[in-house]
Amino acid sequence: MRAGFFLLLASIVAAGIATLGYGTEGFRVITSEGARRLAVERAPKTVPNVSLIDQDGVSFSLDDYRGKVLLIEFIYTSG
């Protein structure tokens, strides 16, 4: 009886660990944000070449900054 209980307990613990490993991408992430970042790292999406207008009203293309770090904030307003 006691051996059966420990076998059942070990099975439940093993199933829990396996489920946790699956849900955390092999124990690599904890949060959904971590999972999103890992997905982007695995399969980055390319940004299309678009023309934008800067704060001074000057038009520029994303290709002008290819290979450089670029921070862009998109703000939508309506009047």
N, C-alpha and C. Protein backbone atom coordinates (compact mmCIF):
# COMPACT_ATOMS: atom_id res chain seq x y z
N MET A 1 0.82 -1.19 0.00
CA MET A 1 0.00 0.00 0.00
C MET A 1 0.87 1.26 0.00
N ARG A 2 1.89 1.24 0.82
CA ARG A 2 2.75 2.42 0.94
C ARG A 2 3.53 2.67 -0.35
N ALA A 3 3.99 1.60 -1.00
CA ALA A 3 4.74 1.72 -2.25
C ALA A 3 3.84 2.30 -3.35
N GLY A 4 2.58 1.87 -3.37
CA GLY A 4 1.64 2.39 -4.35
C GLY A 4 1.40 3.88 -4.18
N PHE A 5 1.31 4.33 -2.92
CA PHE A 5 1.12 5.74 -2.64
C PHE A 5 2.30 6.56 -3.14
N PHE A 6 3.52 6.09 -2.86
CA PHE A 6 4.71 6.82 -3.29
C PHE A 6 4.86 6.81 -4.81
N LEU A 7 4.45 5.73 -5.45
CA LEU A 7 4.48 5.67 -6.90
C LEU A 7 3.50 6.68 -7.50
N LEU A 8 2.30 6.76 -6.92
CA LEU A 8 1.31 7.73 -7.37
C LEU A 8 1.81 9.15 -7.15
N LEU A 9 2.37 9.41 -5.98
CA LEU A 9 2.90 10.74 -5.68
C LEU A 9 4.03 11.12 -6.63
N ALA A 10 4.93 10.18 -6.91
CA ALA A 10 6.03 10.44 -7.84
C ALA A 10 5.50 10.72 -9.24
N SER A 11 4.46 10.03 -9.64
CA SER A 11 3.86 10.25 -10.96
C SER A 11 3.24 11.63 -11.05
N ILE A 12 2.56 12.05 -10.00
CA ILE A 12 1.94 13.38 -9.98
C ILE A 12 3.01 14.47 -10.03
N VAL A 13 4.08 14.30 -9.26
CA VAL A 13 5.17 15.29 -9.26
C VAL A 13 5.82 15.35 -10.63
N ALA A 14 6.08 14.18 -11.24
CA ALA A 14 6.70 14.15 -12.57
C ALA A 14 5.81 14.82 -13.61
N ALA A 15 4.50 14.57 -13.54
CA ALA A 15 3.57 15.20 -14.48
C ALA A 15 3.55 16.71 -14.28
N GLY A 16 3.61 17.16 -13.02
CA GLY A 16 3.64 18.59 -12.74
C GLY A 16 4.90 19.25 -13.27
N ILE A 17 6.03 18.60 -13.09
CA ILE A 17 7.29 19.15 -13.59
C ILE A 17 7.29 19.20 -15.12
N ALA A 18 6.77 18.16 -15.76
CA ALA A 18 6.69 18.14 -17.22
C ALA A 18 5.78 19.25 -17.74
N THR A 19 4.65 19.45 -17.08
CA THR A 19 3.72 20.51 -17.47
C THR A 19 4.35 21.88 -17.28
N LEU A 20 5.05 22.07 -16.18
CA LEU A 20 5.73 23.34 -15.93
C LEU A 20 6.81 23.59 -16.97
N GLY A 21 7.55 22.56 -17.31
CA GLY A 21 8.59 22.70 -18.34
C GLY A 21 8.01 23.07 -19.69
N TYR A 22 6.88 22.45 -20.04
CA TYR A 22 6.22 22.76 -21.30
C TYR A 22 5.69 24.19 -21.31
N GLY A 23 5.08 24.61 -20.22
CA GLY A 23 4.47 25.94 -20.14
C GLY A 23 5.48 27.07 -20.04
N THR A 24 6.71 26.76 -19.71
CA THR A 24 7.74 27.80 -19.56
C THR A 24 8.82 27.68 -20.62
N GLU A 25 8.46 27.05 -21.75
CA GLU A 25 9.41 26.89 -22.86
C GLU A 25 10.70 26.23 -22.39
N GLY A 26 10.57 25.13 -21.69
CA GLY A 26 11.75 24.43 -21.20
C GLY A 26 12.43 25.15 -20.05
N PHE A 27 11.63 25.76 -19.18
CA PHE A 27 12.09 26.51 -18.02
C PHE A 27 12.90 27.75 -18.41
N ARG A 28 12.64 28.31 -19.61
CA ARG A 28 13.37 29.48 -20.08
C ARG A 28 12.64 30.78 -19.78
N VAL A 29 11.32 30.75 -19.62
CA VAL A 29 10.55 31.98 -19.37
C VAL A 29 9.61 31.76 -18.20
N ILE A 30 9.23 32.86 -17.60
CA ILE A 30 8.28 32.79 -16.48
C ILE A 30 6.98 33.51 -16.83
N THR A 31 7.09 34.64 -17.53
CA THR A 31 5.92 35.46 -17.83
C THR A 31 5.54 35.37 -19.31
N SER A 32 4.37 35.86 -19.64
CA SER A 32 3.96 35.90 -21.05
C SER A 32 4.82 36.88 -21.83
N GLU A 33 5.30 37.93 -21.19
CA GLU A 33 6.21 38.87 -21.85
C GLU A 33 7.52 38.17 -22.20
N GLY A 34 8.01 37.34 -21.31
CA GLY A 34 9.21 36.57 -21.60
C GLY A 34 9.00 35.62 -22.77
N ALA A 35 7.83 35.01 -22.83
CA ALA A 35 7.51 34.12 -23.95
C ALA A 35 7.44 34.89 -25.25
N ARG A 36 6.86 36.11 -25.23
CA ARG A 36 6.79 36.94 -26.43
C ARG A 36 8.19 37.31 -26.91
N ARG A 37 9.06 37.70 -25.98
CA ARG A 37 10.43 38.07 -26.35
C ARG A 37 11.18 36.88 -26.92
N LEU A 38 10.98 35.72 -26.35
CA LEU A 38 11.64 34.52 -26.85
C LEU A 38 11.15 34.19 -28.26
N ALA A 39 9.86 34.35 -28.52
CA ALA A 39 9.31 34.10 -29.85
C ALA A 39 9.90 35.08 -30.87
N VAL A 40 10.05 36.34 -30.50
CA VAL A 40 10.65 37.33 -31.40
C VAL A 40 12.11 37.00 -31.65
N GLU A 41 12.81 36.55 -30.62
CA GLU A 41 14.21 36.16 -30.77
C GLU A 41 14.37 34.97 -31.71
N ARG A 42 13.46 34.03 -31.61
CA ARG A 42 13.53 32.84 -32.46
C ARG A 42 13.19 33.13 -33.91
N ALA A 43 12.20 33.98 -34.13
CA ALA A 43 11.73 34.28 -35.49
C ALA A 43 11.46 35.77 -35.61
N PRO A 44 12.52 36.59 -35.75
CA PRO A 44 12.30 38.04 -35.84
C PRO A 44 11.53 38.41 -37.10
N LYS A 45 10.71 39.40 -36.98
CA LYS A 45 9.93 39.88 -38.12
C LYS A 45 10.65 41.09 -38.72
N THR A 46 10.66 41.14 -40.04
CA THR A 46 11.30 42.28 -40.70
C THR A 46 10.34 43.45 -40.74
N VAL A 47 10.92 44.63 -40.67
CA VAL A 47 10.13 45.86 -40.73
C VAL A 47 10.16 46.34 -42.17
N PRO A 48 9.01 46.62 -42.76
CA PRO A 48 9.01 47.08 -44.15
C PRO A 48 9.62 48.48 -44.26
N ASN A 49 10.16 48.78 -45.43
CA ASN A 49 10.71 50.10 -45.67
C ASN A 49 9.54 51.07 -45.87
N VAL A 50 9.37 51.96 -44.95
CA VAL A 50 8.31 52.96 -45.03
C VAL A 50 8.91 54.35 -44.90
N SER A 51 8.19 55.31 -45.40
CA SER A 51 8.60 56.70 -45.24
C SER A 51 7.85 57.29 -44.06
N LEU A 52 8.55 58.01 -43.23
CA LEU A 52 7.97 58.64 -42.05
C LEU A 52 8.33 60.12 -42.05
N ILE A 53 7.69 60.85 -41.18
CA ILE A 53 7.97 62.29 -41.05
C ILE A 53 8.41 62.54 -39.62
N ASP A 54 9.56 63.22 -39.47
CA ASP A 54 10.08 63.46 -38.12
C ASP A 54 9.42 64.69 -37.50
N GLN A 55 9.86 65.04 -36.30
CA GLN A 55 9.25 66.14 -35.56
C GLN A 55 9.43 67.50 -36.23
N ASP A 56 10.38 67.58 -37.18
CA ASP A 56 10.60 68.84 -37.90
C ASP A 56 9.89 68.86 -39.24
N GLY A 57 9.12 67.84 -39.54
CA GLY A 57 8.39 67.76 -40.79
C GLY A 57 9.21 67.23 -41.95
N VAL A 58 10.40 66.70 -41.66
CA VAL A 58 11.27 66.17 -42.71
C VAL A 58 10.98 64.69 -42.91
N SER A 59 10.79 64.31 -44.17
CA SER A 59 10.50 62.92 -44.50
C SER A 59 11.80 62.10 -44.50
N PHE A 60 11.74 60.88 -43.99
CA PHE A 60 12.89 59.98 -44.02
C PHE A 60 12.39 58.56 -44.21
N SER A 61 13.28 57.70 -44.60
CA SER A 61 12.95 56.30 -44.84
C SER A 61 13.65 55.44 -43.81
N LEU A 62 13.04 54.31 -43.44
CA LEU A 62 13.68 53.41 -42.51
C LEU A 62 14.95 52.81 -43.09
N ASP A 63 15.04 52.70 -44.41
CA ASP A 63 16.27 52.21 -45.04
C ASP A 63 17.46 53.12 -44.74
N ASP A 64 17.21 54.39 -44.46
CA ASP A 64 18.30 55.32 -44.12
C ASP A 64 19.01 54.88 -42.85
N TYR A 65 18.35 54.09 -42.02
CA TYR A 65 18.89 53.69 -40.73
C TYR A 65 19.17 52.19 -40.65
N ARG A 66 19.18 51.51 -41.79
CA ARG A 66 19.40 50.06 -41.79
C ARG A 66 20.74 49.74 -41.15
N GLY A 67 20.74 48.78 -40.21
CA GLY A 67 21.96 48.37 -39.51
C GLY A 67 22.25 49.19 -38.26
N LYS A 68 21.42 50.19 -38.00
CA LYS A 68 21.61 51.03 -36.81
C LYS A 68 20.43 50.82 -35.86
N VAL A 69 20.64 51.14 -34.61
CA VAL A 69 19.56 51.07 -33.63
C VAL A 69 18.69 52.30 -33.81
N LEU A 70 17.40 52.09 -33.89
CA LEU A 70 16.46 53.19 -34.14
C LEU A 70 15.26 53.01 -33.21
N LEU A 71 14.94 54.04 -32.49
CA LEU A 71 13.78 54.01 -31.61
C LEU A 71 12.70 54.89 -32.23
N ILE A 72 11.53 54.28 -32.46
CA ILE A 72 10.42 54.99 -33.09
C ILE A 72 9.20 54.87 -32.18
N GLU A 73 8.53 55.98 -31.99
CA GLU A 73 7.28 55.96 -31.23
C GLU A 73 6.17 56.42 -32.16
N PHE A 74 5.14 55.61 -32.28
CA PHE A 74 4.02 55.95 -33.13
C PHE A 74 2.92 56.57 -32.27
N ILE A 75 2.53 57.77 -32.63
CA ILE A 75 1.50 58.49 -31.89
C ILE A 75 0.38 58.82 -32.88
N TYR A 76 -0.82 58.50 -32.49
CA TYR A 76 -1.97 58.81 -33.34
C TYR A 76 -2.79 59.90 -32.67
N THR A 77 -3.11 60.90 -33.41
CA THR A 77 -4.00 61.95 -32.90
C THR A 77 -5.05 62.22 -33.96
N SER A 78 -6.16 62.73 -33.53
CA SER A 78 -7.20 63.16 -34.48
C SER A 78 -7.68 64.53 -34.04
N GLY A 79 -8.10 65.27 -35.01
CA GLY A 79 -8.47 66.65 -34.69
C GLY A 79 -9.86 66.96 -34.89
